[in-house]
Amino acid sequence: MKKLIIVFFAISLQSVFAQQLPLLSQYVFNKYAFNPAVAGSEDRFVILSGFRSQWTGFDGAPQTASLTMQGPLGSGSCIGADVYNDRLGATSELGFHAAYTYQVFLDNDTRWAFGLQVGGVQYSVDGTLLNTYEPDDQVVPQVMTSAFLADATFGTYLFSDKFYAGASVFHLTNSAITFSNDFPQDQLGVLDRHLVLMGGLKLDAGEKLMVEPSFMLRAVTGAPLQIDFSSRLIYDQKYWFGLTYRTRAAWIAMVGIDISEHFVLGYGFDYSTTELQSFSNGTHEVILGWKFNEKKISSRLF
């Protein structure tokens, strides 16, 4: 049990201080969550809701609920918004943002988009959930305390019907995480800037078959570089199965279906390649989406 506590505590610290972006295994399903410039790229408004339960079997293990909305307005302008709640033990992170994106046609099929996202992040620590051997421990908070930080993200996205490539930088403000006077430490850390790179191809593999290889790279100071290498097999533009390898972390299996023209459903399961798998039942992730009628976009250069 002591070893279990040490492993969980170490991974929890890494998640809180190093990886400040909510994790999403089905990034191919919701690229907007990692790049505001993706807004409007499907030429329709899309709403996606997701729930992720990580390391099931642990009390206080990470859980993430998210909601994103994005779509085109016309004349190259697109908008987006997101809200998420990321919980880990006694800590939680609530984020909300709004984005504006502008698309430029490079030719009839290829567009280059630039997006800016602004909003805020609230970090909270519930000291009443923390049990220590020393009731008056000055290092551990004894009450509920929180910190609010302004936040901004910039992204660029190049795409067509056959490929996509994007880059984004999160937490441009690099704000300090400073809690109220009830917290024993004045400053717990900062919103570290995160670099996210993504890319993918859409390859015809038969009359009704398509293969979509892709990757996502996440880099942040103080944490190892993490890359997701993925491949998705799509049948009849309706059913799909995917497999992802996340460096030094997990293998991920994904399945999805377009329930109708307007509703989509995806499920992902993470199998950890670390010692943690011996103590957990894996990670489960579900995404449900609503897609509105497609909007005809002119290829005229604006």
Protein backbone atom coordinates (compact mmCIF):
# COMPACT_ATOMS: atom_id res chain seq x y z
CA MET A 1 0.00 0.00 0.00
CA LYS A 2 2.84 2.38 0.81
CA LYS A 3 4.31 1.84 -2.68
CA LEU A 4 0.89 2.48 -4.22
CA ILE A 5 0.54 5.79 -2.36
CA ILE A 6 4.02 6.91 -3.42
CA VAL A 7 3.38 6.10 -7.10
CA PHE A 8 0.00 7.85 -7.11
CA PHE A 9 1.32 10.91 -5.27
CA ALA A 10 4.25 11.28 -7.69
CA ILE A 11 2.01 11.04 -10.75
CA SER A 12 -0.47 13.46 -9.20
CA LEU A 13 2.23 16.09 -8.68
CA GLN A 14 3.38 15.72 -12.28
CA SER A 15 -0.18 16.15 -13.53
CA VAL A 16 -0.86 19.26 -11.45
CA PHE A 17 2.39 21.17 -11.96
CA ALA A 18 3.73 20.00 -15.33
CA GLN A 19 0.76 19.07 -17.48
CA GLN A 20 -1.71 21.94 -17.08
CA LEU A 21 -3.77 21.11 -20.18
CA PRO A 22 -6.65 18.63 -19.86
CA LEU A 23 -5.74 15.33 -21.48
CA LEU A 24 -7.86 14.05 -24.37
CA SER A 25 -7.04 10.74 -26.05
CA GLN A 26 -9.50 11.24 -28.92
CA TYR A 27 -7.83 14.44 -30.13
CA VAL A 28 -8.67 13.51 -33.75
CA PHE A 29 -12.30 13.85 -32.71
CA ASN A 30 -11.89 17.32 -31.20
CA LYS A 31 -8.83 19.11 -32.58
CA TYR A 32 -10.37 22.46 -31.62
CA ALA A 33 -9.67 21.64 -27.96
CA PHE A 34 -5.95 21.91 -28.77
CA ASN A 35 -5.95 24.71 -31.35
CA PRO A 36 -8.39 27.65 -31.60
CA ALA A 37 -7.60 28.05 -35.31
CA VAL A 38 -9.48 24.79 -35.99
CA ALA A 39 -12.77 26.68 -35.44
CA GLY A 40 -14.95 26.56 -38.54
CA SER A 41 -12.80 24.04 -40.42
CA GLU A 42 -15.75 21.63 -40.80
CA ASP A 43 -17.89 24.34 -42.43
CA ARG A 44 -20.64 23.79 -39.87
CA PHE A 45 -21.28 24.42 -36.21
CA VAL A 46 -20.14 21.53 -34.05
CA ILE A 47 -20.82 20.96 -30.35
CA LEU A 48 -18.82 18.26 -28.56
CA SER A 49 -19.24 17.12 -24.96
CA GLY A 50 -16.77 14.77 -23.34
CA PHE A 51 -16.10 12.93 -20.10
CA ARG A 52 -12.83 11.26 -19.16
CA SER A 53 -12.24 9.05 -16.10
CA GLN A 54 -8.53 8.39 -15.69
CA TRP A 55 -6.90 5.62 -13.64
CA THR A 56 -10.24 4.06 -12.65
CA GLY A 57 -9.94 2.20 -9.37
CA PHE A 58 -8.19 5.06 -7.58
CA ASP A 59 -10.03 7.31 -5.14
CA GLY A 60 -9.53 10.90 -6.24
CA ALA A 61 -8.16 9.92 -9.67
CA PRO A 62 -8.35 12.53 -12.47
CA GLN A 63 -11.73 13.21 -14.06
CA THR A 64 -12.37 15.69 -16.85
CA ALA A 65 -15.66 17.03 -18.22
CA SER A 66 -15.58 19.33 -21.25
CA LEU A 67 -17.81 21.13 -23.72
CA THR A 68 -16.70 22.84 -26.94
CA MET A 69 -18.58 24.73 -29.63
CA GLN A 70 -17.18 26.11 -32.89
CA GLY A 71 -18.27 27.01 -36.40
CA PRO A 72 -18.13 29.50 -39.31
CA LEU A 73 -19.81 32.90 -39.47
CA GLY A 74 -18.97 33.64 -43.11
CA SER A 75 -16.47 35.79 -45.03
CA GLY A 76 -13.60 33.87 -43.43
CA SER A 77 -14.66 34.60 -39.85
CA CYS A 78 -15.22 31.75 -37.38
CA ILE A 79 -15.89 31.56 -33.64
CA GLY A 80 -15.49 29.03 -30.88
CA ALA A 81 -15.91 28.55 -27.14
CA ASP A 82 -15.06 25.96 -24.55
CA VAL A 83 -15.53 25.17 -20.88
CA TYR A 84 -13.96 22.32 -18.91
CA ASN A 85 -13.58 21.06 -15.36
CA ASP A 86 -10.49 18.99 -14.55
CA ARG A 87 -10.42 17.33 -11.11
CA LEU A 88 -7.60 15.48 -9.34
CA GLY A 89 -8.08 14.56 -5.70
CA ALA A 90 -8.49 17.76 -3.69
CA THR A 91 -7.53 19.98 -6.64
CA SER A 92 -9.67 21.20 -9.53
CA GLU A 93 -9.24 23.40 -12.59
CA LEU A 94 -12.13 25.23 -14.24
CA GLY A 95 -11.41 26.82 -17.61
CA PHE A 96 -13.55 28.84 -20.01
CA HIS A 97 -12.55 30.58 -23.23
CA ALA A 98 -13.91 32.25 -26.37
CA ALA A 99 -12.09 32.26 -29.71
CA TYR A 100 -12.07 34.15 -32.99
CA THR A 101 -10.53 32.63 -36.11
CA TYR A 102 -9.93 34.01 -39.59
CA GLN A 103 -9.47 31.73 -42.62
CA VAL A 104 -7.69 32.56 -45.87
CA PHE A 105 -8.09 30.45 -49.03
CA LEU A 106 -4.73 29.57 -50.59
CA ASP A 107 -6.47 27.78 -53.46
CA ASN A 108 -9.85 26.12 -54.07
CA ASP A 109 -9.14 23.34 -51.55
CA THR A 110 -6.57 24.64 -49.07
CA ARG A 111 -7.15 27.12 -46.26
CA TRP A 112 -4.86 28.72 -43.70
CA ALA A 113 -6.44 29.83 -40.44
CA PHE A 114 -5.26 31.97 -37.52
CA GLY A 115 -7.05 31.90 -34.18
CA LEU A 116 -6.87 33.74 -30.85
CA GLN A 117 -8.55 32.43 -27.73
CA VAL A 118 -9.00 34.38 -24.48
CA GLY A 119 -10.59 33.49 -21.18
CA GLY A 120 -9.71 32.43 -17.67
CA VAL A 121 -8.68 29.51 -15.49
CA GLN A 122 -9.64 28.98 -11.87
CA TYR A 123 -7.52 26.64 -9.76
CA SER A 124 -9.00 25.38 -6.49
CA VAL A 125 -7.70 23.30 -3.58
CA ASP A 126 -10.14 21.83 -1.05
CA GLY A 127 -8.10 21.54 2.12
CA THR A 128 -10.93 19.74 3.92
CA LEU A 129 -10.26 16.69 1.72
CA LEU A 130 -6.56 16.52 2.65
CA ASN A 131 -5.72 14.25 5.56
CA THR A 132 -2.33 14.66 7.24
CA TYR A 133 -0.66 13.24 10.33
CA GLU A 134 -0.20 16.78 11.64
CA PRO A 135 -3.53 18.65 12.03
CA ASP A 136 -1.71 22.01 12.10
CA ASP A 137 0.59 21.25 9.15
CA GLN A 138 1.56 24.66 7.69
CA VAL A 139 2.33 23.19 4.26
CA VAL A 140 -1.16 21.83 3.62
CA PRO A 141 -4.19 24.16 3.37
CA GLN A 142 -7.00 23.50 5.85
CA VAL A 143 -9.82 25.23 3.93
CA MET A 144 -11.17 25.67 0.40
CA THR A 145 -9.08 28.19 -1.52
CA SER A 146 -8.80 29.21 -5.17
CA ALA A 147 -6.92 31.39 -7.65
CA PHE A 148 -8.23 32.97 -10.86
CA LEU A 149 -5.88 33.65 -13.79
CA ALA A 150 -6.38 35.37 -17.14
CA ASP A 151 -5.49 33.09 -20.04
CA ALA A 152 -4.85 33.30 -23.80
CA THR A 153 -3.93 30.93 -26.63
CA PHE A 154 -2.81 31.52 -30.22
CA GLY A 155 -2.98 28.94 -32.99
CA THR A 156 -2.53 28.51 -36.72
CA TYR A 157 -4.01 25.72 -38.84
CA LEU A 158 -3.40 24.72 -42.48
CA PHE A 159 -5.90 22.24 -43.91
CA SER A 160 -7.69 20.76 -46.90
CA ASP A 161 -9.82 17.66 -47.52
CA LYS A 162 -6.65 15.54 -47.64
CA PHE A 163 -4.39 16.84 -44.85
CA TYR A 164 -4.07 19.14 -41.86
CA ALA A 165 -1.23 20.68 -39.87
CA GLY A 166 -1.39 23.01 -36.92
CA ALA A 167 0.56 24.70 -34.15
CA SER A 168 -0.66 26.44 -31.01
CA VAL A 169 0.78 28.00 -27.87
CA PHE A 170 -1.32 27.83 -24.70
CA HIS A 171 -1.10 30.05 -21.60
CA LEU A 172 0.51 33.03 -23.33
CA THR A 173 -0.05 35.11 -20.20
CA ASN A 174 2.33 32.88 -18.18
CA SER A 175 0.37 34.01 -15.09
CA ALA A 176 1.47 33.16 -11.55
CA ILE A 177 -0.82 30.80 -9.61
CA THR A 178 -1.33 32.82 -6.42
CA PHE A 179 -3.90 31.70 -3.86
CA SER A 180 -5.61 33.68 -1.11
CA ASN A 181 -4.16 34.27 2.35
CA ASP A 182 -5.70 31.00 3.53
CA PHE A 183 -3.11 29.07 1.53
CA PRO A 184 0.24 28.54 3.30
CA GLN A 185 2.30 29.23 0.16
CA ASP A 186 2.02 32.58 -1.61
CA GLN A 187 2.77 31.16 -5.07
CA LEU A 188 2.29 27.54 -6.11
CA GLY A 189 3.57 27.89 -9.67
CA VAL A 190 2.77 29.54 -13.00
CA LEU A 191 0.67 28.81 -16.06
CA ASP A 192 3.51 27.37 -18.11
CA ARG A 193 3.33 27.94 -21.85
CA HIS A 194 2.48 24.75 -23.73
CA LEU A 195 3.41 24.12 -27.37
CA VAL A 196 1.10 21.79 -29.29
CA LEU A 197 1.87 20.55 -32.82
CA MET A 198 -0.50 18.36 -34.82
CA GLY A 199 -0.70 16.89 -38.28
CA GLY A 200 -2.52 14.23 -40.26
CA LEU A 201 -3.34 12.79 -43.67
CA LYS A 202 -6.52 11.34 -45.16
CA LEU A 203 -5.69 8.48 -47.52
CA ASP A 204 -8.12 6.51 -49.70
CA ALA A 205 -7.68 2.77 -49.07
CA GLY A 206 -10.62 1.36 -51.01
CA GLU A 207 -14.09 2.10 -52.30
CA LYS A 208 -15.46 2.85 -48.81
CA LEU A 209 -12.28 2.75 -46.77
CA MET A 210 -10.06 5.59 -45.60
CA VAL A 211 -6.92 5.61 -43.44
CA GLU A 212 -6.01 8.65 -41.36
CA PRO A 213 -2.51 8.63 -39.80
CA SER A 214 -1.88 11.54 -37.43
CA PHE A 215 0.22 12.81 -34.56
CA MET A 216 0.07 15.31 -31.73
CA LEU A 217 3.10 16.66 -29.88
CA ARG A 218 2.86 18.42 -26.51
CA ALA A 219 5.84 20.25 -25.01
CA VAL A 220 6.10 22.16 -21.74
CA THR A 221 9.00 23.20 -19.54
CA GLY A 222 9.65 20.76 -16.70
CA ALA A 223 7.98 17.71 -18.26
CA PRO A 224 9.11 15.11 -20.82
CA LEU A 225 8.12 15.67 -24.45
CA GLN A 226 4.94 13.69 -25.16
CA ILE A 227 3.82 12.55 -28.62
CA ASP A 228 0.68 10.69 -29.68
CA PHE A 229 1.12 8.59 -32.82
CA SER A 230 -2.30 7.59 -34.15
CA SER A 231 -3.92 5.76 -37.02
CA ARG A 232 -7.63 5.70 -37.70
CA LEU A 233 -9.50 3.38 -40.10
CA ILE A 234 -12.77 4.87 -41.40
CA TYR A 235 -15.42 2.78 -43.17
CA ASP A 236 -18.22 4.28 -45.26
CA GLN A 237 -17.55 7.68 -43.65
CA LYS A 238 -19.60 6.39 -40.72
CA TYR A 239 -17.71 3.82 -38.63
CA TRP A 240 -14.13 4.12 -37.43
CA PHE A 241 -11.54 2.38 -35.30
CA GLY A 242 -8.30 3.92 -34.11
CA LEU A 243 -5.12 3.01 -32.26
CA THR A 244 -2.72 5.45 -30.57
CA TYR A 245 0.64 5.10 -28.87
CA ARG A 246 1.42 7.85 -26.36
CA THR A 247 5.15 7.97 -25.63
CA ARG A 248 6.10 6.77 -22.14
CA ALA A 249 2.44 6.63 -21.14
CA ALA A 250 -0.15 4.41 -22.82
CA TRP A 251 -1.67 2.48 -25.69
CA ILE A 252 -5.12 3.79 -26.63
CA ALA A 253 -7.93 2.05 -28.54
CA MET A 254 -10.76 4.14 -29.99
CA VAL A 255 -14.05 3.39 -31.75
CA GLY A 256 -16.68 5.74 -33.11
CA ILE A 257 -19.86 5.97 -35.14
CA ASP A 258 -21.86 8.66 -36.88
CA ILE A 259 -25.22 7.80 -35.33
CA SER A 260 -26.95 10.05 -37.85
CA GLU A 261 -26.14 13.04 -40.03
CA HIS A 262 -26.06 15.23 -36.95
CA PHE A 263 -24.95 13.00 -34.04
CA VAL A 264 -21.61 11.27 -33.46
CA LEU A 265 -20.32 9.10 -30.62
CA GLY A 266 -16.75 8.11 -29.72
CA TYR A 267 -15.20 5.93 -27.03
CA GLY A 268 -11.55 5.56 -26.02
CA PHE A 269 -9.74 3.23 -23.62
CA ASP A 270 -6.21 3.93 -22.35
CA TYR A 271 -3.98 1.06 -21.21
CA SER A 272 -1.07 2.50 -19.24
CA THR A 273 2.45 1.31 -20.07
CA THR A 274 3.69 2.47 -16.64
CA GLU A 275 3.61 0.77 -13.23
CA LEU A 276 0.29 2.47 -12.63
CA GLN A 277 -1.57 -0.13 -14.72
CA SER A 278 -0.96 -2.69 -11.95
CA PHE A 279 -3.15 -0.63 -9.62
CA SER A 280 -5.85 0.75 -11.94
CA ASN A 281 -8.48 -0.47 -14.39
CA GLY A 282 -7.39 1.80 -17.22
CA THR A 283 -8.87 5.07 -18.47
CA HIS A 284 -12.26 5.53 -20.13
CA GLU A 285 -13.26 8.45 -22.34
CA VAL A 286 -16.59 9.19 -24.05
CA ILE A 287 -17.38 12.00 -26.51
CA LEU A 288 -20.82 12.87 -27.86
CA GLY A 289 -21.19 15.39 -30.67
CA TRP A 290 -23.85 17.41 -32.44
CA LYS A 291 -23.17 18.66 -35.98
CA PHE A 292 -25.47 21.20 -37.59
CA ASN A 293 -26.20 21.57 -41.30
CA GLU A 294 -23.12 22.23 -43.40
CA LYS A 295 -22.64 25.82 -44.53
CA LYS A 296 -21.49 26.41 -48.10
CA ILE A 297 -18.15 28.24 -48.07
CA SER A 298 -16.93 30.21 -51.07
CA SER A 299 -13.32 29.72 -52.16
CA ARG A 300 -13.03 33.40 -53.01
CA LEU A 301 -9.93 35.02 -51.49
CA PHE A 302 -11.09 37.57 -48.90
